Amino acid sequence: KISVLARASVVDFYGRKIFDSFVRVEERVTDYRTHVSGVTEQDLKGPNARDFGLVRKTVKQLLKNKIIVGHGLENDLRALKIEQDHPWYNIRDSATQYQPYMRVDQFGQLRPRRLRDLAWYNLGIVIQQEGKPHDSLEDARAAMALYRHVQPNWDYEMDCRRRNAFASFAKLALF
């Protein structure tokens, strides 16, 4: 089983929709996971679905030289086949990067929280209601709102990591 991109949603800093499209899938789909994804066969075969190459090109252009914000971005970027196109220091992933948004498991390891829980605990926003399918546009807006909520701190933390990484690289290059 492989997962493929079914819908791509991009919002601006304020959560306004910039791009939202279903993706025409070339592979044979065995499970649409509609109860979770909200995506149906009609969405992917209908007149509003776009070719993967066009969606990839459009999203790639929209994200170029921008900070990418989301939740579980590794999977999204892999599905778009652009995971290598963006520097790590321009990615803000609420599932893996920002420690205050993480939880500690029984072994003391940091683990991601659900986007639904982060949105509720930090913003008082209800998303991904039980028994209803997810909406990628709603998820994108929630992830962006979480980023805006702590942007100065998160950006400062990433800038420190970036400087430390480059300083370490420079030290290695000197030897």
Protein backbone atom coordinates (compact mmCIF):
# COMPACT_ATOMS: atom_id res chain seq x y z
CA LYS A 1 0.00 0.00 0.00
CA ILE A 2 1.16 3.48 -0.84
CA SER A 3 -0.40 6.83 -0.05
CA VAL A 4 -0.84 9.39 -2.79
CA LEU A 5 -1.76 13.05 -2.81
CA ALA A 6 -5.53 13.49 -3.04
CA ARG A 7 -5.92 17.17 -2.17
CA ALA A 8 -3.57 20.12 -1.83
CA SER A 9 -4.59 23.16 0.21
CA VAL A 10 -2.47 26.28 0.69
CA VAL A 11 -3.38 29.30 2.82
CA ASP A 12 -1.62 32.59 3.43
CA PHE A 13 -0.38 33.88 6.78
CA TYR A 14 -3.92 34.93 7.75
CA GLY A 15 -5.54 31.65 6.72
CA ARG A 16 -7.01 32.92 3.45
CA LYS A 17 -7.21 30.28 0.74
CA ILE A 18 -4.55 30.67 -1.94
CA PHE A 19 -4.92 27.27 -3.57
CA ASP A 20 -7.15 24.27 -3.00
CA SER A 21 -7.47 21.40 -5.43
CA PHE A 22 -8.26 17.73 -5.60
CA VAL A 23 -5.68 15.71 -7.49
CA ARG A 24 -6.46 13.29 -10.28
CA VAL A 25 -4.87 10.02 -9.23
CA GLU A 26 -3.30 7.77 -11.87
CA GLU A 27 -2.87 4.82 -9.51
CA ARG A 28 -5.71 2.44 -8.71
CA VAL A 29 -7.20 3.53 -5.38
CA THR A 30 -8.21 0.71 -3.06
CA ASP A 31 -9.22 2.80 -0.04
CA TYR A 32 -10.19 6.46 -0.17
CA ARG A 33 -10.34 6.61 3.63
CA THR A 34 -13.27 8.99 3.18
CA HIS A 35 -14.22 8.71 6.86
CA VAL A 36 -10.86 10.32 7.70
CA SER A 37 -9.80 12.22 4.59
CA GLY A 38 -13.16 13.51 3.45
CA VAL A 39 -12.08 12.61 -0.10
CA THR A 40 -14.41 10.58 -2.29
CA GLU A 41 -13.96 8.85 -5.63
CA GLN A 42 -16.03 11.62 -7.25
CA ASP A 43 -13.62 14.27 -5.89
CA LEU A 44 -10.65 12.64 -7.62
CA LYS A 45 -12.42 11.81 -10.86
CA GLY A 46 -14.61 14.89 -11.13
CA PRO A 47 -14.11 18.03 -13.24
CA ASN A 48 -12.47 19.92 -10.35
CA ALA A 49 -9.61 17.43 -9.97
CA ARG A 50 -6.33 18.53 -11.52
CA ASP A 51 -3.39 16.59 -12.87
CA PHE A 52 -0.73 15.78 -10.23
CA GLY A 53 2.03 17.47 -12.27
CA LEU A 54 0.07 20.71 -12.49
CA VAL A 55 -0.78 20.67 -8.77
CA ARG A 56 2.85 19.92 -7.88
CA LYS A 57 4.14 22.72 -10.11
CA THR A 58 1.62 25.23 -8.74
CA VAL A 59 2.25 24.38 -5.09
CA LYS A 60 6.01 24.35 -5.60
CA GLN A 61 5.85 27.84 -7.12
CA LEU A 62 3.61 29.13 -4.31
CA LEU A 63 5.99 27.80 -1.63
CA LYS A 64 9.22 28.96 -3.28
CA ASN A 65 11.29 31.11 -0.88
CA LYS A 66 8.53 30.98 1.74
CA ILE A 67 8.31 29.55 5.23
CA ILE A 68 6.14 26.43 5.01
CA VAL A 69 3.75 25.90 7.90
CA GLY A 70 1.75 22.75 8.58
CA HIS A 71 1.24 19.66 10.68
CA GLY A 72 2.95 16.44 9.59
CA LEU A 73 4.62 18.22 6.69
CA GLU A 74 7.08 15.42 5.99
CA ASN A 75 4.25 13.29 4.60
CA ASP A 76 2.74 16.17 2.64
CA LEU A 77 6.03 17.20 1.05
CA ARG A 78 6.82 13.57 0.21
CA ALA A 79 3.40 13.12 -1.41
CA LEU A 80 4.05 16.24 -3.50
CA LYS A 81 7.55 14.95 -4.29
CA ILE A 82 9.12 18.22 -3.14
CA GLU A 83 10.64 17.11 0.18
CA GLN A 84 14.14 18.02 -1.01
CA ASP A 85 13.17 21.42 -2.40
CA HIS A 86 12.90 23.39 0.82
CA PRO A 87 15.58 24.14 3.44
CA TRP A 88 14.82 22.77 6.90
CA TYR A 89 15.07 26.20 8.51
CA ASN A 90 12.11 27.44 6.44
CA ILE A 91 9.76 24.71 7.66
CA ARG A 92 7.47 25.08 10.69
CA ASP A 93 5.89 21.72 11.49
CA SER A 94 3.69 21.72 14.58
CA ALA A 95 3.89 17.92 14.70
CA THR A 96 7.66 17.67 15.04
CA GLN A 97 9.51 20.94 15.48
CA TYR A 98 8.18 23.16 18.22
CA GLN A 99 8.78 21.66 21.65
CA PRO A 100 5.94 23.49 23.46
CA TYR A 101 3.54 21.82 21.01
CA MET A 102 4.92 18.35 21.73
CA ARG A 103 4.06 15.94 24.52
CA VAL A 104 6.43 13.76 26.54
CA ASP A 105 5.73 10.03 26.49
CA GLN A 106 6.30 7.55 29.34
CA PHE A 107 9.96 7.17 28.29
CA GLY A 108 10.68 10.90 28.32
CA GLN A 109 10.66 11.18 24.51
CA LEU A 110 8.99 14.06 22.71
CA ARG A 111 6.00 12.96 20.63
CA PRO A 112 3.61 14.90 18.43
CA ARG A 113 0.17 15.94 19.59
CA ARG A 114 -2.84 15.76 17.32
CA LEU A 115 -3.59 18.93 15.37
CA ARG A 116 -7.13 18.78 16.74
CA ASP A 117 -5.79 18.86 20.33
CA LEU A 118 -3.27 21.63 19.64
CA ALA A 119 -5.96 23.79 18.05
CA TRP A 120 -8.30 23.27 21.00
CA TYR A 121 -5.77 23.66 23.85
CA ASN A 122 -3.88 26.61 22.39
CA LEU A 123 -6.50 28.48 20.37
CA GLY A 124 -9.90 27.26 21.56
CA ILE A 125 -10.70 26.20 17.99
CA VAL A 126 -12.66 23.02 17.30
CA ILE A 127 -11.49 21.11 14.19
CA GLN A 128 -11.66 17.50 13.04
CA GLN A 129 -14.82 16.77 15.00
CA GLU A 130 -15.39 13.16 15.97
CA GLY A 131 -17.26 11.25 13.29
CA LYS A 132 -16.69 13.92 10.63
CA PRO A 133 -14.04 13.73 7.90
CA HIS A 134 -11.00 15.98 7.99
CA ASP A 135 -10.86 19.03 5.78
CA SER A 136 -7.35 19.88 4.54
CA LEU A 137 -8.23 23.57 4.20
CA GLU A 138 -9.45 23.67 7.82
CA ASP A 139 -6.28 21.83 8.91
CA ALA A 140 -4.07 24.30 7.00
CA ARG A 141 -5.82 27.23 8.63
CA ALA A 142 -5.44 25.68 12.10
CA ALA A 143 -1.73 24.98 11.58
CA MET A 144 -1.18 28.56 10.41
CA ALA A 145 -3.11 29.93 13.41
CA LEU A 146 -0.90 27.85 15.72
CA TYR A 147 2.18 29.29 14.02
CA ARG A 148 0.88 32.88 14.29
CA HIS A 149 0.13 32.26 17.98
CA VAL A 150 3.82 31.71 18.77
CA GLN A 151 5.58 33.07 15.69
CA PRO A 152 8.21 35.30 17.34
CA ASN A 153 9.35 32.51 19.69
CA TRP A 154 9.29 29.78 17.04
CA ASP A 155 11.15 31.89 14.47
CA TYR A 156 13.75 32.88 17.06
CA GLU A 157 14.28 29.22 17.99
CA MET A 158 14.70 28.23 14.33
CA ASP A 159 17.09 31.12 13.71
CA CYS A 160 19.24 29.96 16.66
CA ARG A 161 19.25 26.37 15.32
CA ARG A 162 20.21 27.64 11.88
CA ARG A 163 23.08 29.75 13.21
CA ASN A 164 24.33 26.85 15.34
CA ALA A 165 24.18 24.49 12.37
CA PHE A 166 26.10 26.89 10.15
CA ALA A 167 28.61 27.64 12.92
CA SER A 168 29.22 23.90 13.40
CA PHE A 169 29.64 23.47 9.65
CA ALA A 170 32.14 26.34 9.56
CA LYS A 171 34.16 24.78 12.41
CA LEU A 172 34.26 21.46 10.56
CA ALA A 173 35.37 23.20 7.39
CA LEU A 174 38.27 24.88 9.19
CA PHE A 175 39.86 21.65 10.35
